[in-house]
Structure formats: structure tokens, C-alpha cells
Amino acid sequence: MAKKPKQPADLLEAAQSGDRLITLIALRDLLAERLQNTESSRDIASMSRRLMQAVEEIETLEKIKRAKEESPFSLYEIRKQFGLEQEALKKEHKLNSIGAEHENN
């Protein structure tokens, strides 16, 4: 089972850590606390929307992290290790350029 990241004292500390997951968790907690203590309908709507976005992003990052821990040799990692990802991107860019030229002619 994956370890939970150490929780920072506040959002600023989390953002300064440079860790996106930790920052999103701190943002989620701050939004939840403020949402619980607000009475403004406008603020409730916007904070609720942002809270749900943060929760979805956290879930996605945690799934990615778990997948990497369970299978550290994903196709992306293998390509990255051997420098193949950049080559694939260059080829895709070249094909897109050729396709754009063909459409323009």
C-alpha cells in the first residue's frame, strides 16, 4: 500500500515543496475548511467546483503513482529510459507537419 505524503503545515509550504500532489491536498483541505465556514452562495458554488476539481486531480495523481509503484517498467518509462519518447515525438511532429503541408496544397 502506498505511503501518504507528509502533510505540510499550510498551502504556502505545500506549494514551495514543488510536489503537485502535496499542494493539491493542501488546497483541498483549505477549500474544504473555508467552504464549511462560508455562508455566501456565490462563494459556496465556486469553492465547491474547485474543491471537486482538486479531489479529481488528487485521485488521478494517486492512481498514476500507484500504477508506477506496481509496474515501474511501463512503456513510457522504457521509452524514456532509452530516449525513445523524444524520437517518437519528433516523428509525430514531422508527420503532423507533412499532413499540414498536404492540406494546404
PDB file of N, CA and C in Angstrom:
ATOM      1  N   MET A   1       0.847  -1.175   0.000  1.00  0.00           N
ATOM      2  CA  MET A   1       0.000   0.000   0.000  1.00  0.00           C
ATOM      3  C   MET A   1       0.894   1.242   0.000  1.00  0.00           C
ATOM      4  N   ALA A   2       0.509   2.267  -0.765  1.00  0.00           N
ATOM      5  CA  ALA A   2       1.320   3.472  -0.915  1.00  0.00           C
ATOM      6  C   ALA A   2       1.314   4.296   0.367  1.00  0.00           C
ATOM      7  N   LYS A   3       2.486   4.871   0.672  1.00  0.00           N
ATOM      8  CA  LYS A   3       2.577   5.752   1.821  1.00  0.00           C
ATOM      9  C   LYS A   3       1.932   7.079   1.476  1.00  0.00           C
ATOM     10  N   LYS A   4       1.263   7.676   2.450  1.00  0.00           N
ATOM     11  CA  LYS A   4       0.710   9.005   2.251  1.00  0.00           C
ATOM     12  C   LYS A   4       1.841  10.008   2.410  1.00  0.00           C
ATOM     13  N   PRO A   5       1.861  11.057   1.550  1.00  0.00           N
ATOM     14  CA  PRO A   5       2.912  12.054   1.680  1.00  0.00           C
ATOM     15  C   PRO A   5       2.763  12.837   2.980  1.00  0.00           C
ATOM     16  N   LYS A   6       3.875  13.308   3.512  1.00  0.00           N
ATOM     17  CA  LYS A   6       3.851  14.122   4.726  1.00  0.00           C
ATOM     18  C   LYS A   6       3.061  15.395   4.441  1.00  0.00           C
ATOM     19  N   GLN A   7       2.111  15.684   5.305  1.00  0.00           N
ATOM     20  CA  GLN A   7       1.267  16.853   5.090  1.00  0.00           C
ATOM     21  C   GLN A   7       1.969  18.124   5.576  1.00  0.00           C
ATOM     22  N   PRO A   8       2.018  19.135   4.722  1.00  0.00           N
ATOM     23  CA  PRO A   8       2.639  20.399   5.114  1.00  0.00           C
ATOM     24  C   PRO A   8       1.744  21.170   6.076  1.00  0.00           C
ATOM     25  N   ALA A   9       2.324  22.137   6.738  1.00  0.00           N
ATOM     26  CA  ALA A   9       1.584  22.936   7.707  1.00  0.00           C
ATOM     27  C   ALA A   9       0.543  23.821   7.022  1.00  0.00           C
ATOM     28  N   ASP A  10       0.829  24.324   5.823  1.00  0.00           N
ATOM     29  CA  ASP A  10      -0.112  25.196   5.133  1.00  0.00           C
ATOM     30  C   ASP A  10       0.079  25.134   3.620  1.00  0.00           C
ATOM     31  N   LEU A  11      -0.788  25.835   2.905  1.00  0.00           N
ATOM     32  CA  LEU A  11      -0.761  25.805   1.450  1.00  0.00           C
ATOM     33  C   LEU A  11       0.537  26.390   0.892  1.00  0.00           C
ATOM     34  N   LEU A  12       1.042  27.451   1.506  1.00  0.00           N
ATOM     35  CA  LEU A  12       2.285  28.063   1.034  1.00  0.00           C
ATOM     36  C   LEU A  12       3.444  27.072   1.129  1.00  0.00           C
ATOM     37  N   GLU A  13       3.554  26.399   2.257  1.00  0.00           N
ATOM     38  CA  GLU A  13       4.619  25.399   2.433  1.00  0.00           C
ATOM     39  C   GLU A  13       4.469  24.268   1.411  1.00  0.00           C
ATOM     40  N   ALA A  14       3.228  23.871   1.165  1.00  0.00           N
ATOM     41  CA  ALA A  14       2.973  22.807   0.188  1.00  0.00           C
ATOM     42  C   ALA A  14       3.401  23.249  -1.209  1.00  0.00           C
ATOM     43  N   ALA A  15       3.027  24.457  -1.593  1.00  0.00           N
ATOM     44  CA  ALA A  15       3.393  24.966  -2.916  1.00  0.00           C
ATOM     45  C   ALA A  15       4.905  25.090  -3.051  1.00  0.00           C
ATOM     46  N   GLN A  16       5.564  25.510  -2.009  1.00  0.00           N
ATOM     47  CA  GLN A  16       7.017  25.665  -2.042  1.00  0.00           C
ATOM     48  C   GLN A  16       7.732  24.316  -2.112  1.00  0.00           C
ATOM     49  N   SER A  17       7.043  23.248  -1.733  1.00  0.00           N
ATOM     50  CA  SER A  17       7.659  21.919  -1.792  1.00  0.00           C
ATOM     51  C   SER A  17       7.884  21.484  -3.237  1.00  0.00           C
ATOM     52  N   GLY A  18       7.086  22.049  -4.155  1.00  0.00           N
ATOM     53  CA  GLY A  18       7.209  21.676  -5.557  1.00  0.00           C
ATOM     54  C   GLY A  18       6.518  20.374  -5.904  1.00  0.00           C
ATOM     55  N   ASP A  19       5.876  19.751  -4.938  1.00  0.00           N
ATOM     56  CA  ASP A  19       5.183  18.482  -5.147  1.00  0.00           C
ATOM     57  C   ASP A  19       3.713  18.778  -5.437  1.00  0.00           C
ATOM     58  N   ARG A  20       3.276  18.460  -6.650  1.00  0.00           N
ATOM     59  CA  ARG A  20       1.913  18.790  -7.069  1.00  0.00           C
ATOM     60  C   ARG A  20       0.865  18.083  -6.213  1.00  0.00           C
ATOM     61  N   LEU A  21       1.083  16.819  -5.892  1.00  0.00           N
ATOM     62  CA  LEU A  21       0.116  16.074  -5.094  1.00  0.00           C
ATOM     63  C   LEU A  21      -0.036  16.693  -3.706  1.00  0.00           C
ATOM     64  N   ILE A  22       1.064  17.003  -3.073  1.00  0.00           N
ATOM     65  CA  ILE A  22       1.017  17.607  -1.737  1.00  0.00           C
ATOM     66  C   ILE A  22       0.324  18.968  -1.798  1.00  0.00           C
ATOM     67  N   THR A  23       0.608  19.737  -2.844  1.00  0.00           N
ATOM     68  CA  THR A  23      -0.022  21.052  -2.995  1.00  0.00           C
ATOM     69  C   THR A  23      -1.526  20.912  -3.185  1.00  0.00           C
ATOM     70  N   LEU A  24      -1.945  19.969  -4.012  1.00  0.00           N
ATOM     71  CA  LEU A  24      -3.380  19.755  -4.227  1.00  0.00           C
ATOM     72  C   LEU A  24      -4.088  19.296  -2.950  1.00  0.00           C
ATOM     73  N   ILE A  25      -3.421  18.465  -2.176  1.00  0.00           N
ATOM     74  CA  ILE A  25      -4.013  18.010  -0.909  1.00  0.00           C
ATOM     75  C   ILE A  25      -4.188  19.186   0.045  1.00  0.00           C
ATOM     76  N   ALA A  26      -3.185  20.040   0.133  1.00  0.00           N
ATOM     77  CA  ALA A  26      -3.282  21.215   0.998  1.00  0.00           C
ATOM     78  C   ALA A  26      -4.382  22.165   0.496  1.00  0.00           C
ATOM     79  N   LEU A  27      -4.483  22.318  -0.818  1.00  0.00           N
ATOM     80  CA  LEU A  27      -5.531  23.165  -1.403  1.00  0.00           C
ATOM     81  C   LEU A  27      -6.902  22.576  -1.098  1.00  0.00           C
ATOM     82  N   ARG A  28      -7.033  21.256  -1.266  1.00  0.00           N
ATOM     83  CA  ARG A  28      -8.307  20.584  -0.959  1.00  0.00           C
ATOM     84  C   ARG A  28      -8.719  20.836   0.480  1.00  0.00           C
ATOM     85  N   ASP A  29      -7.782  20.687   1.400  1.00  0.00           N
ATOM     86  CA  ASP A  29      -8.081  20.871   2.817  1.00  0.00           C
ATOM     87  C   ASP A  29      -8.464  22.313   3.124  1.00  0.00           C
ATOM     88  N   LEU A  30      -7.754  23.268   2.520  1.00  0.00           N
ATOM     89  CA  LEU A  30      -8.062  24.690   2.720  1.00  0.00           C
ATOM     90  C   LEU A  30      -9.445  25.017   2.169  1.00  0.00           C
ATOM     91  N   LEU A  31      -9.739  24.535   0.964  1.00  0.00           N
ATOM     92  CA  LEU A  31     -11.049  24.794   0.364  1.00  0.00           C
ATOM     93  C   LEU A  31     -12.166  24.180   1.194  1.00  0.00           C
ATOM     94  N   ALA A  32     -11.972  22.975   1.676  1.00  0.00           N
ATOM     95  CA  ALA A  32     -12.996  22.313   2.490  1.00  0.00           C
ATOM     96  C   ALA A  32     -13.253  23.089   3.772  1.00  0.00           C
ATOM     97  N   GLU A  33     -12.192  23.551   4.395  1.00  0.00           N
ATOM     98  CA  GLU A  33     -12.335  24.320   5.635  1.00  0.00           C
ATOM     99  C   GLU A  33     -13.081  25.629   5.378  1.00  0.00           C
ATOM    100  N   ARG A  34     -12.686  26.334   4.320  1.00  0.00           N
ATOM    101  CA  ARG A  34     -13.345  27.611   4.002  1.00  0.00           C
ATOM    102  C   ARG A  34     -14.791  27.394   3.554  1.00  0.00           C
ATOM    103  N   LEU A  35     -15.025  26.344   2.826  1.00  0.00           N
ATOM    104  CA  LEU A  35     -16.373  26.029   2.360  1.00  0.00           C
ATOM    105  C   LEU A  35     -17.293  25.745   3.544  1.00  0.00           C
ATOM    106  N   GLN A  36     -16.767  25.044   4.507  1.00  0.00           N
ATOM    107  CA  GLN A  36     -17.545  24.714   5.695  1.00  0.00           C
ATOM    108  C   GLN A  36     -17.905  25.968   6.497  1.00  0.00           C
ATOM    109  N   ASN A  37     -17.062  26.998   6.423  1.00  0.00           N
ATOM    110  CA  ASN A  37     -17.259  28.186   7.249  1.00  0.00           C
ATOM    111  C   ASN A  37     -17.847  29.379   6.506  1.00  0.00           C
ATOM    112  N   THR A  38     -18.257  29.204   5.231  1.00  0.00           N
ATOM    113  CA  THR A  38     -18.794  30.342   4.487  1.00  0.00           C
ATOM    114  C   THR A  38     -20.314  30.256   4.395  1.00  0.00           C
ATOM    115  N   GLU A  39     -20.934  31.426   4.249  1.00  0.00           N
ATOM    116  CA  GLU A  39     -22.386  31.482   4.078  1.00  0.00           C
ATOM    117  C   GLU A  39     -22.751  32.136   2.757  1.00  0.00           C
ATOM    118  N   SER A  40     -21.776  32.551   1.983  1.00  0.00           N
ATOM    119  CA  SER A  40     -22.015  33.211   0.703  1.00  0.00           C
ATOM    120  C   SER A  40     -22.325  32.172  -0.374  1.00  0.00           C
ATOM    121  N   SER A  41     -23.519  32.258  -0.956  1.00  0.00           N
ATOM    122  CA  SER A  41     -23.921  31.302  -2.005  1.00  0.00           C
ATOM    123  C   SER A  41     -22.953  31.331  -3.177  1.00  0.00           C
ATOM    124  N   ARG A  42     -22.521  32.511  -3.565  1.00  0.00           N
ATOM    125  CA  ARG A  42     -21.583  32.628  -4.682  1.00  0.00           C
ATOM    126  C   ARG A  42     -20.266  31.938  -4.343  1.00  0.00           C
ATOM    127  N   ASP A  43     -19.765  32.166  -3.147  1.00  0.00           N
ATOM    128  CA  ASP A  43     -18.510  31.539  -2.737  1.00  0.00           C
ATOM    129  C   ASP A  43     -18.667  30.023  -2.605  1.00  0.00           C
ATOM    130  N   ILE A  44     -19.821  29.581  -2.120  1.00  0.00           N
ATOM    131  CA  ILE A  44     -20.057  28.146  -1.974  1.00  0.00           C
ATOM    132  C   ILE A  44     -19.988  27.466  -3.333  1.00  0.00           C
ATOM    133  N   ALA A  45     -20.632  28.063  -4.325  1.00  0.00           N
ATOM    134  CA  ALA A  45     -20.644  27.463  -5.662  1.00  0.00           C
ATOM    135  C   ALA A  45     -19.242  27.377  -6.251  1.00  0.00           C
ATOM    136  N   SER A  46     -18.497  28.465  -6.208  1.00  0.00           N
ATOM    137  CA  SER A  46     -17.162  28.460  -6.819  1.00  0.00           C
ATOM    138  C   SER A  46     -16.185  27.593  -6.038  1.00  0.00           C
ATOM    139  N   MET A  47     -16.249  27.634  -4.719  1.00  0.00           N
ATOM    140  CA  MET A  47     -15.347  26.805  -3.922  1.00  0.00           C
ATOM    141  C   MET A  47     -15.682  25.328  -4.063  1.00  0.00           C
ATOM    142  N   SER A  48     -16.970  25.013  -4.159  1.00  0.00           N
ATOM    143  CA  SER A  48     -17.378  23.609  -4.338  1.00  0.00           C
ATOM    144  C   SER A  48     -16.841  23.063  -5.650  1.00  0.00           C
ATOM    145  N   ARG A  49     -16.954  23.864  -6.697  1.00  0.00           N
ATOM    146  CA  ARG A  49     -16.458  23.457  -8.015  1.00  0.00           C
ATOM    147  C   ARG A  49     -14.945  23.215  -7.967  1.00  0.00           C
ATOM    148  N   ARG A  50     -14.212  24.132  -7.373  1.00  0.00           N
ATOM    149  CA  ARG A  50     -12.760  23.991  -7.290  1.00  0.00           C
ATOM    150  C   ARG A  50     -12.360  22.831  -6.378  1.00  0.00           C
ATOM    151  N   LEU A  51     -13.127  22.629  -5.308  1.00  0.00           N
ATOM    152  CA  LEU A  51     -12.855  21.501  -4.401  1.00  0.00           C
ATOM    153  C   LEU A  51     -12.997  20.179  -5.150  1.00  0.00           C
ATOM    154  N   MET A  52     -14.061  20.045  -5.937  1.00  0.00           N
ATOM    155  CA  MET A  52     -14.270  18.814  -6.688  1.00  0.00           C
ATOM    156  C   MET A  52     -13.171  18.615  -7.734  1.00  0.00           C
ATOM    157  N   GLN A  53     -12.713  19.694  -8.363  1.00  0.00           N
ATOM    158  CA  GLN A  53     -11.607  19.595  -9.321  1.00  0.00           C
ATOM    159  C   GLN A  53     -10.337  19.117  -8.623  1.00  0.00           C
ATOM    160  N   ALA A  54     -10.061  19.679  -7.453  1.00  0.00           N
ATOM    161  CA  ALA A  54      -8.863  19.279  -6.702  1.00  0.00           C
ATOM    162  C   ALA A  54      -8.946  17.809  -6.311  1.00  0.00           C
ATOM    163  N   VAL A  55     -10.120  17.358  -5.866  1.00  0.00           N
ATOM    164  CA  VAL A  55     -10.306  15.962  -5.476  1.00  0.00           C
ATOM    165  C   VAL A  55     -10.072  15.040  -6.676  1.00  0.00           C
ATOM    166  N   GLU A  56     -10.608  15.414  -7.845  1.00  0.00           N
ATOM    167  CA  GLU A  56     -10.406  14.605  -9.054  1.00  0.00           C
ATOM    168  C   GLU A  56      -8.930  14.544  -9.442  1.00  0.00           C
ATOM    169  N   GLU A  57      -8.240  15.690  -9.366  1.00  0.00           N
ATOM    170  CA  GLU A  57      -6.811  15.711  -9.706  1.00  0.00           C
ATOM    171  C   GLU A  57      -6.002  14.869  -8.730  1.00  0.00           C
ATOM    172  N   ILE A  58      -6.351  14.929  -7.454  1.00  0.00           N
ATOM    173  CA  ILE A  58      -5.661  14.124  -6.443  1.00  0.00           C
ATOM    174  C   ILE A  58      -5.851  12.637  -6.743  1.00  0.00           C
ATOM    175  N   GLU A  59      -7.097  12.245  -7.034  1.00  0.00           N
ATOM    176  CA  GLU A  59      -7.365  10.834  -7.350  1.00  0.00           C
ATOM    177  C   GLU A  59      -6.557  10.377  -8.558  1.00  0.00           C
ATOM    178  N   THR A  60      -6.490  11.225  -9.591  1.00  0.00           N
ATOM    179  CA  THR A  60      -5.738  10.879 -10.797  1.00  0.00           C
ATOM    180  C   THR A  60      -4.253  10.716 -10.487  1.00  0.00           C
ATOM    181  N   LEU A  61      -3.679  11.668  -9.763  1.00  0.00           N
ATOM    182  CA  LEU A  61      -2.255  11.586  -9.423  1.00  0.00           C
ATOM    183  C   LEU A  61      -1.959  10.378  -8.543  1.00  0.00           C
ATOM    184  N   GLU A  62      -2.863  10.055  -7.621  1.00  0.00           N
ATOM    185  CA  GLU A  62      -2.655   8.886  -6.767  1.00  0.00           C
ATOM    186  C   GLU A  62      -2.736   7.590  -7.572  1.00  0.00           C
ATOM    187  N   LYS A  63      -3.650   7.527  -8.555  1.00  0.00           N
ATOM    188  CA  LYS A  63      -3.735   6.344  -9.418  1.00  0.00           C
ATOM    189  C   LYS A  63      -2.458   6.180 -10.228  1.00  0.00           C
ATOM    190  N   ILE A  64      -1.962   7.276 -10.765  1.00  0.00           N
ATOM    191  CA  ILE A  64      -0.713   7.233 -11.545  1.00  0.00           C
ATOM    192  C   ILE A  64       0.437   6.774 -10.664  1.00  0.00           C
ATOM    193  N   LYS A  65       0.500   7.315  -9.459  1.00  0.00           N
ATOM    194  CA  LYS A  65       1.570   6.950  -8.529  1.00  0.00           C
ATOM    195  C   LYS A  65       1.504   5.464  -8.184  1.00  0.00           C
ATOM    196  N   ARG A  66       0.282   4.956  -7.906  1.00  0.00           N
ATOM    197  CA  ARG A  66       0.119   3.531  -7.594  1.00  0.00           C
ATOM    198  C   ARG A  66       0.518   2.669  -8.783  1.00  0.00           C
ATOM    199  N   ALA A  67       0.123   3.078  -9.980  1.00  0.00           N
ATOM    200  CA  ALA A  67       0.456   2.304 -11.184  1.00  0.00           C
ATOM    201  C   ALA A  67       1.964   2.241 -11.380  1.00  0.00           C
ATOM    202  N   LYS A  68       2.647   3.343 -11.135  1.00  0.00           N
ATOM    203  CA  LYS A  68       4.101   3.351 -11.274  1.00  0.00           C
ATOM    204  C   LYS A  68       4.761   2.464 -10.233  1.00  0.00           C
ATOM    205  N   GLU A  69       4.207   2.449  -9.016  1.00  0.00           N
ATOM    206  CA  GLU A  69       4.770   1.603  -7.961  1.00  0.00           C
ATOM    207  C   GLU A  69       4.536   0.128  -8.260  1.00  0.00           C
ATOM    208  N   GLU A  70       3.362  -0.197  -8.833  1.00  0.00           N
ATOM    209  CA  GLU A  70       3.032  -1.592  -9.130  1.00  0.00           C
ATOM    210  C   GLU A  70       3.750  -2.088 -10.380  1.00  0.00           C
ATOM    211  N   SER A  71       3.952  -1.205 -11.336  1.00  0.00           N
ATOM    212  CA  SER A  71       4.588  -1.580 -12.593  1.00  0.00           C
ATOM    213  C   SER A  71       5.574  -0.495 -12.999  1.00  0.00           C
ATOM    214  N   PRO A  72       6.764  -0.511 -12.405  1.00  0.00           N
ATOM    215  CA  PRO A  72       7.720   0.566 -12.663  1.00  0.00           C
ATOM    216  C   PRO A  72       8.246   0.587 -14.098  1.00  0.00           C
ATOM    217  N   PHE A  73       8.035  -0.487 -14.839  1.00  0.00           N
ATOM    218  CA  PHE A  73       8.549  -0.531 -16.205  1.00  0.00           C
ATOM    219  C   PHE A  73       7.416  -0.397 -17.217  1.00  0.00           C
ATOM    220  N   SER A  74       6.704   0.718 -17.127  1.00  0.00           N
ATOM    221  CA  SER A  74       5.657   0.986 -18.099  1.00  0.00           C
ATOM    222  C   SER A  74       6.304   1.298 -19.445  1.00  0.00           C
ATOM    223  N   LEU A  75       5.509   1.258 -20.492  1.00  0.00           N
ATOM    224  CA  LEU A  75       6.016   1.549 -21.825  1.00  0.00           C
ATOM    225  C   LEU A  75       6.635   2.945 -21.867  1.00  0.00           C
ATOM    226  N   TYR A  76       5.987   3.910 -21.226  1.00  0.00           N
ATOM    227  CA  TYR A  76       6.523   5.267 -21.185  1.00  0.00           C
ATOM    228  C   TYR A  76       7.899   5.279 -20.524  1.00  0.00           C
ATOM    229  N   GLU A  77       8.031   4.590 -19.394  1.00  0.00           N
ATOM    230  CA  GLU A  77       9.305   4.575 -18.677  1.00  0.00           C
ATOM    231  C   GLU A  77      10.401   3.912 -19.496  1.00  0.00           C
ATOM    232  N   ILE A  78      10.047   2.836 -20.192  1.00  0.00           N
ATOM    233  CA  ILE A  78      11.039   2.161 -21.029  1.00  0.00           C
ATOM    234  C   ILE A  78      11.479   3.080 -22.157  1.00  0.00           C
ATOM    235  N   ARG A  79      10.495   3.726 -22.803  1.00  0.00           N
ATOM    236  CA  ARG A  79      10.840   4.673 -23.871  1.00  0.00           C
ATOM    237  C   ARG A  79      11.714   5.803 -23.330  1.00  0.00           C
ATOM    238  N   LYS A  80      11.334   6.307 -22.173  1.00  0.00           N
ATOM    239  CA  LYS A  80      12.085   7.406 -21.558  1.00  0.00           C
ATOM    240  C   LYS A  80      13.510   6.963 -21.236  1.00  0.00           C
ATOM    241  N   GLN A  81      13.645   5.773 -20.674  1.00  0.00           N
ATOM    242  CA  GLN A  81      14.950   5.250 -20.292  1.00  0.00           C
ATOM    243  C   GLN A  81      15.878   5.138 -21.503  1.00  0.00           C
ATOM    244  N   PHE A  82      15.342   4.750 -22.617  1.00  0.00           N
ATOM    245  CA  PHE A  82      16.166   4.555 -23.805  1.00  0.00           C
ATOM    246  C   PHE A  82      16.103   5.734 -24.779  1.00  0.00           C
ATOM    247  N   GLY A  83      15.485   6.832 -24.350  1.00  0.00           N
ATOM    248  CA  GLY A  83      15.428   8.024 -25.185  1.00  0.00           C
ATOM    249  C   GLY A  83      14.489   7.885 -26.371  1.00  0.00           C
ATOM    250  N   LEU A  84      13.590   6.933 -26.318  1.00  0.00           N
ATOM    251  CA  LEU A  84      12.697   6.695 -27.444  1.00  0.00           C
ATOM    252  C   LEU A  84      11.500   7.638 -27.438  1.00  0.00           C
ATOM    253  N   GLU A  85      11.133   8.159 -26.301  1.00  0.00           N
ATOM    254  CA  GLU A  85       9.970   9.054 -26.227  1.00  0.00           C
ATOM    255  C   GLU A  85      10.204  10.307 -27.058  1.00  0.00           C
ATOM    256  N   GLN A  86      11.385  10.887 -26.970  1.00  0.00           N
ATOM    257  CA  GLN A  86      11.699  12.077 -27.758  1.00  0.00           C
ATOM    258  C   GLN A  86      11.682  11.772 -29.241  1.00  0.00           C
ATOM    259  N   GLU A  87      12.200  10.605 -29.599  1.00  0.00           N
ATOM    260  CA  GLU A  87      12.195  10.201 -31.009  1.00  0.00           C
ATOM    261  C   GLU A  87      10.767  10.062 -31.516  1.00  0.00           C
ATOM    262  N   ALA A  88       9.900   9.452 -30.699  1.00  0.00           N
ATOM    263  CA  ALA A  88       8.507   9.280 -31.106  1.00  0.00           C
ATOM    264  C   ALA A  88       7.836  10.635 -31.279  1.00  0.00           C
ATOM    265  N   LEU A  89       8.126  11.575 -30.393  1.00  0.00           N
ATOM    266  CA  LEU A  89       7.550  12.911 -30.506  1.00  0.00           C
ATOM    267  C   LEU A  89       8.049  13.629 -31.754  1.00  0.00           C
ATOM    268  N   LYS A  90       9.338  13.468 -32.069  1.00  0.00           N
ATOM    269  CA  LYS A  90       9.894  14.100 -33.278  1.00  0.00           C
ATOM    270  C   LYS A  90       9.226  13.539 -34.526  1.00  0.00           C
ATOM    271  N   LYS A  91       9.027  12.215 -34.554  1.00  0.00           N
ATOM    272  CA  LYS A  91       8.388  11.586 -35.705  1.00  0.00           C
ATOM    273  C   LYS A  91       6.951  12.063 -35.841  1.00  0.00           C
ATOM    274  N   GLU A  92       6.240  12.146 -34.718  1.00  0.00           N
ATOM    275  CA  GLU A  92       4.855  12.607 -34.745  1.00  0.00           C
ATOM    276  C   GLU A  92       4.784  14.041 -35.247  1.00  0.00           C
ATOM    277  N   HIS A  93       5.694  14.885 -34.781  1.00  0.00           N
ATOM    278  CA  HIS A  93       5.736  16.282 -35.215  1.00  0.00           C
ATOM    279  C   HIS A  93       5.996  16.357 -36.715  1.00  0.00           C
ATOM    280  N   LYS A  94       6.924  15.540 -37.189  1.00  0.00           N
ATOM    281  CA  LYS A  94       7.254  15.529 -38.608  1.00  0.00           C
ATOM    282  C   LYS A  94       6.049  15.090 -39.426  1.00  0.00           C
ATOM    283  N   LEU A  95       5.351  14.054 -38.977  1.00  0.00           N
ATOM    284  CA  LEU A  95       4.157  13.588 -39.680  1.00  0.00           C
ATOM    285  C   LEU A  95       3.062  14.644 -39.671  1.00  0.00           C
ATOM    286  N   ASN A  96       2.893  15.344 -38.552  1.00  0.00           N
ATOM    287  CA  ASN A  96       1.898  16.415 -38.481  1.00  0.00           C
ATOM    288  C   ASN A  96       2.241  17.543 -39.433  1.00  0.00           C
ATOM    289  N   SER A  97       3.524  17.863 -39.557  1.00  0.00           N
ATOM    290  CA  SER A  97       3.970  18.916 -40.468  1.00  0.00           C
ATOM    291  C   SER A  97       3.698  18.526 -41.919  1.00  0.00           C
ATOM    292  N   ILE A  98       3.981  17.274 -42.241  1.00  0.00           N
ATOM    293  CA  ILE A  98       3.741  16.789 -43.609  1.00  0.00           C
ATOM    294  C   ILE A  98       2.241  16.826 -43.894  1.00  0.00           C
ATOM    295  N   GLY A  99       1.438  16.407 -42.923  1.00  0.00           N
ATOM    296  CA  GLY A  99      -0.017  16.425 -43.101  1.00  0.00           C
ATOM    297  C   GLY A  99      -0.549  17.828 -43.282  1.00  0.00           C
ATOM    298  N   ALA A 100       0.005  18.794 -42.537  1.00  0.00           N
ATOM    299  CA  ALA A 100      -0.430  20.192 -42.652  1.00  0.00           C
ATOM    300  C   ALA A 100      -0.057  20.750 -44.031  1.00  0.00           C
ATOM    301  N   GLU A 101       1.141  20.419 -44.518  1.00  0.00           N
ATOM    302  CA  GLU A 101       1.564  20.865 -45.845  1.00  0.00           C
ATOM    303  C   GLU A 101       0.645  20.291 -46.914  1.00  0.00           C
ATOM    304  N   HIS A 102       0.293  19.036 -46.761  1.00  0.00           N
ATOM    305  CA  HIS A 102      -0.572  18.360 -47.736  1.00  0.00           C
ATOM    306  C   HIS A 102      -1.948  19.036 -47.762  1.00  0.00           C
ATOM    307  N   GLU A 103      -2.495  19.384 -46.577  1.00  0.00           N
ATOM    308  CA  GLU A 103      -3.801  20.032 -46.503  1.00  0.00           C
ATOM    309  C   GLU A 103      -3.759  21.426 -47.119  1.00  0.00           C
ATOM    310  N   ASN A 104      -2.650  22.126 -46.983  1.00  0.00           N
ATOM    311  CA  ASN A 104      -2.524  23.476 -47.520  1.00  0.00           C
ATOM    312  C   ASN A 104      -2.386  23.487 -49.031  1.00  0.00           C
ATOM    313  N   ASN A 105      -1.908  22.395 -49.620  1.00  0.00           N
ATOM    314  CA  ASN A 105      -1.704  22.331 -51.070  1.00  0.00           C
ATOM    315  C   ASN A 105      -2.908  21.839 -51.773  1.00  0.00           C
TER     316      ASN A 105
END
